């Protein structure tokens, strides 16, 4: 998998946790 695509996949998941009720953001940052 290309590096940027993998970062995008994780960021899509993390963004979803900021938009929907009943969820909290992931309390972690990553360097790829």
ModelCIF file with pLDDT and N, C-alpha, C, O atoms, coordinates in Angstrom:
data_MODEL
#
_entry.id   MODEL 
#
_entity.id                         1 
_entity.type                       polymer 
_entity.pdbx_number_of_molecules   1 
#
_entity_poly.entity_id                      1 
_entity_poly.type                           'polypeptide(L)' 
_entity_poly.nstd_linkage                   no 
_entity_poly.nstd_monomer                   no 
_entity_poly.pdbx_seq_one_letter_code       
;(UNK)(UNK)(UNK)(UNK)(UNK)(UNK)(UNK)(UNK)(UNK)(UNK)(UNK)(UNK)(UNK)(UNK)(UNK)(UNK)
(UNK)(UNK)(UNK)(UNK)(UNK)(UNK)(UNK)(UNK)(UNK)(UNK)(UNK)(UNK)(UNK)(UNK)(UNK)(UNK)
;
_entity_poly.pdbx_seq_one_letter_code_can   XXXXXXXXXXXXXXXXXXXXXXXXXXXXXXXX 
_entity_poly.pdbx_strand_id                 A 
#
loop_
_entity_poly_seq.entity_id 
_entity_poly_seq.num 
_entity_poly_seq.mon_id 
_entity_poly_seq.hetero 
1 1  UNK n 
1 2  UNK n 
1 3  UNK n 
1 4  UNK n 
1 5  UNK n 
1 6  UNK n 
1 7  UNK n 
1 8  UNK n 
1 9  UNK n 
1 10 UNK n 
1 11 UNK n 
1 12 UNK n 
1 13 UNK n 
1 14 UNK n 
1 15 UNK n 
1 16 UNK n 
1 17 UNK n 
1 18 UNK n 
1 19 UNK n 
1 20 UNK n 
1 21 UNK n 
1 22 UNK n 
1 23 UNK n 
1 24 UNK n 
1 25 UNK n 
1 26 UNK n 
1 27 UNK n 
1 28 UNK n 
1 29 UNK n 
1 30 UNK n 
1 31 UNK n 
1 32 UNK n 
#
_struct_asym.id          A 
_struct_asym.entity_id   1 
#
loop_
_ma_qa_metric.id 
_ma_qa_metric.mode 
_ma_qa_metric.name 
_ma_qa_metric.software_group_id 
_ma_qa_metric.type 
1 global pLDDT . pLDDT 
2 local  pLDDT . pLDDT 
#
_ma_qa_metric_global.metric_id      1 
_ma_qa_metric_global.metric_value   93.88 
_ma_qa_metric_global.model_id       1 
_ma_qa_metric_global.ordinal_id     1 
#
loop_
_ma_qa_metric_local.label_asym_id 
_ma_qa_metric_local.label_comp_id 
_ma_qa_metric_local.label_seq_id 
_ma_qa_metric_local.metric_id 
_ma_qa_metric_local.metric_value 
_ma_qa_metric_local.model_id 
_ma_qa_metric_local.ordinal_id 
A UNK 1  2 96.00 1 1  
A UNK 2  2 96.00 1 2  
A UNK 3  2 96.00 1 3  
A UNK 4  2 96.00 1 4  
A UNK 5  2 97.00 1 5  
A UNK 6  2 97.00 1 6  
A UNK 7  2 97.00 1 7  
A UNK 8  2 97.00 1 8  
A UNK 9  2 97.00 1 9  
A UNK 10 2 97.00 1 10 
A UNK 11 2 97.00 1 11 
A UNK 12 2 96.00 1 12 
A UNK 13 2 96.00 1 13 
A UNK 14 2 96.00 1 14 
A UNK 15 2 94.00 1 15 
A UNK 16 2 93.00 1 16 
A UNK 17 2 93.00 1 17 
A UNK 18 2 90.00 1 18 
A UNK 19 2 89.00 1 19 
A UNK 20 2 87.00 1 20 
A UNK 21 2 82.00 1 21 
A UNK 22 2 84.00 1 22 
A UNK 23 2 88.00 1 23 
A UNK 24 2 90.00 1 24 
A UNK 25 2 92.00 1 25 
A UNK 26 2 95.00 1 26 
A UNK 27 2 95.00 1 27 
A UNK 28 2 95.00 1 28 
A UNK 29 2 96.00 1 29 
A UNK 30 2 96.00 1 30 
A UNK 31 2 97.00 1 31 
A UNK 32 2 97.00 1 32 
#
loop_
_atom_site.group_PDB 
_atom_site.id 
_atom_site.type_symbol 
_atom_site.label_atom_id 
_atom_site.label_alt_id 
_atom_site.label_comp_id 
_atom_site.label_asym_id 
_atom_site.label_entity_id 
_atom_site.label_seq_id 
_atom_site.pdbx_PDB_ins_code 
_atom_site.Cartn_x 
_atom_site.Cartn_y 
_atom_site.Cartn_z 
_atom_site.occupancy 
_atom_site.B_iso_or_equiv 
_atom_site.pdbx_formal_charge 
_atom_site.auth_seq_id 
_atom_site.auth_comp_id 
_atom_site.auth_asym_id 
_atom_site.auth_atom_id 
_atom_site.pdbx_PDB_model_num 
ATOM 1   N N  . UNK A 1 1  ? 0.837   -1.194 0.000  1.00 96.00 ? 1  UNK A N  1 
ATOM 2   C CA . UNK A 1 1  ? 0.000   0.000  0.000  1.00 96.00 ? 1  UNK A CA 1 
ATOM 3   C C  . UNK A 1 1  ? 0.880   1.255  0.000  1.00 96.00 ? 1  UNK A C  1 
ATOM 4   O O  . UNK A 1 1  ? 1.851   1.310  0.755  1.00 96.00 ? 1  UNK A O  1 
ATOM 5   N N  . UNK A 1 2  ? 0.570   2.266  -0.826 1.00 96.00 ? 2  UNK A N  1 
ATOM 6   C CA . UNK A 1 2  ? 1.314   3.530  -0.772 1.00 96.00 ? 2  UNK A CA 1 
ATOM 7   C C  . UNK A 1 2  ? 1.171   4.186  0.599  1.00 96.00 ? 2  UNK A C  1 
ATOM 8   O O  . UNK A 1 2  ? 0.141   4.054  1.260  1.00 96.00 ? 2  UNK A O  1 
ATOM 9   N N  . UNK A 1 3  ? 2.215   4.891  1.011  1.00 96.00 ? 3  UNK A N  1 
ATOM 10  C CA . UNK A 1 3  ? 2.240   5.456  2.363  1.00 96.00 ? 3  UNK A CA 1 
ATOM 11  C C  . UNK A 1 3  ? 1.107   6.453  2.563  1.00 96.00 ? 3  UNK A C  1 
ATOM 12  O O  . UNK A 1 3  ? 0.412   6.417  3.579  1.00 96.00 ? 3  UNK A O  1 
ATOM 13  N N  . UNK A 1 4  ? 0.924   7.336  1.597  1.00 96.00 ? 4  UNK A N  1 
ATOM 14  C CA . UNK A 1 4  ? -0.111  8.355  1.746  1.00 96.00 ? 4  UNK A CA 1 
ATOM 15  C C  . UNK A 1 4  ? -1.500  7.741  1.779  1.00 96.00 ? 4  UNK A C  1 
ATOM 16  O O  . UNK A 1 4  ? -2.367  8.218  2.512  1.00 96.00 ? 4  UNK A O  1 
ATOM 17  N N  . UNK A 1 5  ? -1.726  6.701  1.005  1.00 97.00 ? 5  UNK A N  1 
ATOM 18  C CA . UNK A 1 5  ? -3.028  6.041  1.008  1.00 97.00 ? 5  UNK A CA 1 
ATOM 19  C C  . UNK A 1 5  ? -3.322  5.420  2.365  1.00 97.00 ? 5  UNK A C  1 
ATOM 20  O O  . UNK A 1 5  ? -4.459  5.477  2.835  1.00 97.00 ? 5  UNK A O  1 
ATOM 21  N N  . UNK A 1 6  ? -2.317  4.827  3.000  1.00 97.00 ? 6  UNK A N  1 
ATOM 22  C CA . UNK A 1 6  ? -2.513  4.254  4.331  1.00 97.00 ? 6  UNK A CA 1 
ATOM 23  C C  . UNK A 1 6  ? -2.838  5.351  5.342  1.00 97.00 ? 6  UNK A C  1 
ATOM 24  O O  . UNK A 1 6  ? -3.704  5.166  6.198  1.00 97.00 ? 6  UNK A O  1 
ATOM 25  N N  . UNK A 1 7  ? -2.151  6.497  5.252  1.00 97.00 ? 7  UNK A N  1 
ATOM 26  C CA . UNK A 1 7  ? -2.455  7.625  6.132  1.00 97.00 ? 7  UNK A CA 1 
ATOM 27  C C  . UNK A 1 7  ? -3.882  8.116  5.899  1.00 97.00 ? 7  UNK A C  1 
ATOM 28  O O  . UNK A 1 7  ? -4.589  8.455  6.848  1.00 97.00 ? 7  UNK A O  1 
ATOM 29  N N  . UNK A 1 8  ? -4.305  8.152  4.632  1.00 97.00 ? 8  UNK A N  1 
ATOM 30  C CA . UNK A 1 8  ? -5.678  8.563  4.322  1.00 97.00 ? 8  UNK A CA 1 
ATOM 31  C C  . UNK A 1 8  ? -6.706  7.620  4.941  1.00 97.00 ? 8  UNK A C  1 
ATOM 32  O O  . UNK A 1 8  ? -7.718  8.063  5.484  1.00 97.00 ? 8  UNK A O  1 
ATOM 33  N N  . UNK A 1 9  ? -6.440  6.326  4.858  1.00 97.00 ? 9  UNK A N  1 
ATOM 34  C CA . UNK A 1 9  ? -7.396  5.350  5.406  1.00 97.00 ? 9  UNK A CA 1 
ATOM 35  C C  . UNK A 1 9  ? -7.583  5.570  6.907  1.00 97.00 ? 9  UNK A C  1 
ATOM 36  O O  . UNK A 1 9  ? -8.713  5.558  7.397  1.00 97.00 ? 9  UNK A O  1 
ATOM 37  N N  . UNK A 1 10 ? -6.489  5.771  7.638  1.00 97.00 ? 10 UNK A N  1 
ATOM 38  C CA . UNK A 1 10 ? -6.605  6.000  9.071  1.00 97.00 ? 10 UNK A CA 1 
ATOM 39  C C  . UNK A 1 10 ? -7.278  7.329  9.363  1.00 97.00 ? 10 UNK A C  1 
ATOM 40  O O  . UNK A 1 10 ? -8.066  7.436  10.302 1.00 97.00 ? 10 UNK A O  1 
ATOM 41  N N  . UNK A 1 11 ? -6.972  8.339  8.565  1.00 97.00 ? 11 UNK A N  1 
ATOM 42  C CA . UNK A 1 11 ? -7.555  9.661  8.813  1.00 97.00 ? 11 UNK A CA 1 
ATOM 43  C C  . UNK A 1 11 ? -9.055  9.669  8.512  1.00 97.00 ? 11 UNK A C  1 
ATOM 44  O O  . UNK A 1 11 ? -9.809  10.393 9.164  1.00 97.00 ? 11 UNK A O  1 
ATOM 45  N N  . UNK A 1 12 ? -9.494  8.878  7.539  1.00 96.00 ? 12 UNK A N  1 
ATOM 46  C CA . UNK A 1 12 ? -10.935 8.760  7.294  1.00 96.00 ? 12 UNK A CA 1 
ATOM 47  C C  . UNK A 1 12 ? -11.641 8.200  8.528  1.00 96.00 ? 12 UNK A C  1 
ATOM 48  O O  . UNK A 1 12 ? -12.719 8.660  8.904  1.00 96.00 ? 12 UNK A O  1 
ATOM 49  N N  . UNK A 1 13 ? -11.014 7.196  9.154  1.00 96.00 ? 13 UNK A N  1 
ATOM 50  C CA . UNK A 1 13 ? -11.591 6.616  10.368 1.00 96.00 ? 13 UNK A CA 1 
ATOM 51  C C  . UNK A 1 13 ? -11.601 7.641  11.495 1.00 96.00 ? 13 UNK A C  1 
ATOM 52  O O  . UNK A 1 13 ? -12.606 7.802  12.187 1.00 96.00 ? 13 UNK A O  1 
ATOM 53  N N  . UNK A 1 14 ? -10.486 8.328  11.676 1.00 96.00 ? 14 UNK A N  1 
ATOM 54  C CA . UNK A 1 14 ? -10.392 9.296  12.781 1.00 96.00 ? 14 UNK A CA 1 
ATOM 55  C C  . UNK A 1 14 ? -11.346 10.469 12.581 1.00 96.00 ? 14 UNK A C  1 
ATOM 56  O O  . UNK A 1 14 ? -11.911 10.982 13.547 1.00 96.00 ? 14 UNK A O  1 
ATOM 57  N N  . UNK A 1 15 ? -11.527 10.890 11.343 1.00 94.00 ? 15 UNK A N  1 
ATOM 58  C CA . UNK A 1 15 ? -12.435 12.003 11.092 1.00 94.00 ? 15 UNK A CA 1 
ATOM 59  C C  . UNK A 1 15 ? -13.874 11.611 11.435 1.00 94.00 ? 15 UNK A C  1 
ATOM 60  O O  . UNK A 1 15 ? -14.638 12.428 11.949 1.00 94.00 ? 15 UNK A O  1 
ATOM 61  N N  . UNK A 1 16 ? -14.238 10.365 11.151 1.00 93.00 ? 16 UNK A N  1 
ATOM 62  C CA . UNK A 1 16 ? -15.586 9.912  11.481 1.00 93.00 ? 16 UNK A CA 1 
ATOM 63  C C  . UNK A 1 16 ? -15.884 9.993  12.969 1.00 93.00 ? 16 UNK A C  1 
ATOM 64  O O  . UNK A 1 16 ? -17.028 10.220 13.365 1.00 93.00 ? 16 UNK A O  1 
ATOM 65  N N  . UNK A 1 17 ? -14.859 9.808  13.795 1.00 93.00 ? 17 UNK A N  1 
ATOM 66  C CA . UNK A 1 17 ? -15.047 9.862  15.240 1.00 93.00 ? 17 UNK A CA 1 
ATOM 67  C C  . UNK A 1 17 ? -15.164 11.292 15.761 1.00 93.00 ? 17 UNK A C  1 
ATOM 68  O O  . UNK A 1 17 ? -15.358 11.491 16.960 1.00 93.00 ? 17 UNK A O  1 
ATOM 69  N N  . UNK A 1 18 ? -15.052 12.286 14.888 1.00 90.00 ? 18 UNK A N  1 
ATOM 70  C CA . UNK A 1 18 ? -15.269 13.675 15.300 1.00 90.00 ? 18 UNK A CA 1 
ATOM 71  C C  . UNK A 1 18 ? -16.611 14.198 14.819 1.00 90.00 ? 18 UNK A C  1 
ATOM 72  O O  . UNK A 1 18 ? -16.976 15.330 15.137 1.00 90.00 ? 18 UNK A O  1 
ATOM 73  N N  . UNK A 1 19 ? -17.353 13.403 14.062 1.00 89.00 ? 19 UNK A N  1 
ATOM 74  C CA . UNK A 1 19 ? -18.547 13.906 13.378 1.00 89.00 ? 19 UNK A CA 1 
ATOM 75  C C  . UNK A 1 19 ? -19.844 13.292 13.887 1.00 89.00 ? 19 UNK A C  1 
ATOM 76  O O  . UNK A 1 19 ? -20.911 13.885 13.724 1.00 89.00 ? 19 UNK A O  1 
ATOM 77  N N  . UNK A 1 20 ? -19.771 12.118 14.500 1.00 87.00 ? 20 UNK A N  1 
ATOM 78  C CA . UNK A 1 20 ? -20.990 11.408 14.893 1.00 87.00 ? 20 UNK A CA 1 
ATOM 79  C C  . UNK A 1 20 ? -21.131 11.395 16.408 1.00 87.00 ? 20 UNK A C  1 
ATOM 80  O O  . UNK A 1 20 ? -20.148 11.284 17.140 1.00 87.00 ? 20 UNK A O  1 
ATOM 81  N N  . UNK A 1 21 ? -22.376 11.512 16.862 1.00 82.00 ? 21 UNK A N  1 
ATOM 82  C CA . UNK A 1 21 ? -22.651 11.540 18.282 1.00 82.00 ? 21 UNK A CA 1 
ATOM 83  C C  . UNK A 1 21 ? -22.344 10.216 18.967 1.00 82.00 ? 21 UNK A C  1 
ATOM 84  O O  . UNK A 1 21 ? -22.392 9.156  18.343 1.00 82.00 ? 21 UNK A O  1 
ATOM 85  N N  . UNK A 1 22 ? -22.030 10.288 20.255 1.00 84.00 ? 22 UNK A N  1 
ATOM 86  C CA . UNK A 1 22 ? -21.752 9.087  21.018 1.00 84.00 ? 22 UNK A CA 1 
ATOM 87  C C  . UNK A 1 22 ? -20.337 8.569  20.870 1.00 84.00 ? 22 UNK A C  1 
ATOM 88  O O  . UNK A 1 22 ? -19.999 7.539  21.453 1.00 84.00 ? 22 UNK A O  1 
ATOM 89  N N  . UNK A 1 23 ? -19.502 9.251  20.110 1.00 88.00 ? 23 UNK A N  1 
ATOM 90  C CA . UNK A 1 23 ? -18.110 8.839  19.913 1.00 88.00 ? 23 UNK A CA 1 
ATOM 91  C C  . UNK A 1 23 ? -17.182 9.919  20.437 1.00 88.00 ? 23 UNK A C  1 
ATOM 92  O O  . UNK A 1 23 ? -17.574 11.078 20.571 1.00 88.00 ? 23 UNK A O  1 
ATOM 93  N N  . UNK A 1 24 ? -15.953 9.532  20.733 1.00 90.00 ? 24 UNK A N  1 
ATOM 94  C CA . UNK A 1 24 ? -14.951 10.523 21.112 1.00 90.00 ? 24 UNK A CA 1 
ATOM 95  C C  . UNK A 1 24 ? -13.762 10.390 20.173 1.00 90.00 ? 24 UNK A C  1 
ATOM 96  O O  . UNK A 1 24 ? -13.525 9.304  19.644 1.00 90.00 ? 24 UNK A O  1 
ATOM 97  N N  . UNK A 1 25 ? -13.008 11.460 19.949 1.00 92.00 ? 25 UNK A N  1 
ATOM 98  C CA . UNK A 1 25 ? -11.842 11.366 19.061 1.00 92.00 ? 25 UNK A CA 1 
ATOM 99  C C  . UNK A 1 25 ? -10.782 10.418 19.631 1.00 92.00 ? 25 UNK A C  1 
ATOM 100 O O  . UNK A 1 25 ? -10.698 10.226 20.844 1.00 92.00 ? 25 UNK A O  1 
ATOM 101 N N  . UNK A 1 26 ? -9.983  9.832  18.749 1.00 95.00 ? 26 UNK A N  1 
ATOM 102 C CA . UNK A 1 26 ? -8.844  9.039  19.188 1.00 95.00 ? 26 UNK A CA 1 
ATOM 103 C C  . UNK A 1 26 ? -7.799  9.985  19.788 1.00 95.00 ? 26 UNK A C  1 
ATOM 104 O O  . UNK A 1 26 ? -7.416  10.977 19.168 1.00 95.00 ? 26 UNK A O  1 
ATOM 105 N N  . UNK A 1 27 ? -7.350  9.667  20.986 1.00 95.00 ? 27 UNK A N  1 
ATOM 106 C CA . UNK A 1 27 ? -6.374  10.526 21.653 1.00 95.00 ? 27 UNK A CA 1 
ATOM 107 C C  . UNK A 1 27 ? -4.946  10.158 21.294 1.00 95.00 ? 27 UNK A C  1 
ATOM 108 O O  . UNK A 1 27 ? -4.120  9.932  22.179 1.00 95.00 ? 27 UNK A O  1 
ATOM 109 N N  . UNK A 1 28 ? -4.647  10.097 19.999 1.00 95.00 ? 28 UNK A N  1 
ATOM 110 C CA . UNK A 1 28 ? -3.315  9.672  19.586 1.00 95.00 ? 28 UNK A CA 1 
ATOM 111 C C  . UNK A 1 28 ? -2.965  10.317 18.243 1.00 95.00 ? 28 UNK A C  1 
ATOM 112 O O  . UNK A 1 28 ? -3.817  10.463 17.367 1.00 95.00 ? 28 UNK A O  1 
ATOM 113 N N  . UNK A 1 29 ? -1.700  10.697 18.102 1.00 96.00 ? 29 UNK A N  1 
ATOM 114 C CA . UNK A 1 29 ? -1.146  11.145 16.825 1.00 96.00 ? 29 UNK A CA 1 
ATOM 115 C C  . UNK A 1 29 ? -0.145  10.105 16.340 1.00 96.00 ? 29 UNK A C  1 
ATOM 116 O O  . UNK A 1 29 ? 0.468   9.400  17.142 1.00 96.00 ? 29 UNK A O  1 
ATOM 117 N N  . UNK A 1 30 ? 0.015   10.014 15.033 1.00 96.00 ? 30 UNK A N  1 
ATOM 118 C CA . UNK A 1 30 ? 0.929   9.035  14.454 1.00 96.00 ? 30 UNK A CA 1 
ATOM 119 C C  . UNK A 1 30 ? 1.897   9.695  13.480 1.00 96.00 ? 30 UNK A C  1 
ATOM 120 O O  . UNK A 1 30 ? 1.543   10.644 12.781 1.00 96.00 ? 30 UNK A O  1 
ATOM 121 N N  . UNK A 1 31 ? 3.111   9.183  13.446 1.00 97.00 ? 31 UNK A N  1 
ATOM 122 C CA . UNK A 1 31 ? 4.062   9.491  12.385 1.00 97.00 ? 31 UNK A CA 1 
ATOM 123 C C  . UNK A 1 31 ? 4.193   8.237  11.525 1.00 97.00 ? 31 UNK A C  1 
ATOM 124 O O  . UNK A 1 31 ? 4.413   7.143  12.045 1.00 97.00 ? 31 UNK A O  1 
ATOM 125 N N  . UNK A 1 32 ? 4.059   8.397  10.211 1.00 97.00 ? 32 UNK A N  1 
ATOM 126 C CA . UNK A 1 32 ? 4.184   7.281  9.278  1.00 97.00 ? 32 UNK A CA 1 
ATOM 127 C C  . UNK A 1 32 ? 5.483   7.465  8.493  1.00 97.00 ? 32 UNK A C  1 
ATOM 128 O O  . UNK A 1 32 ? 5.810   6.641  7.639  1.00 97.00 ? 32 UNK A O  1 
#
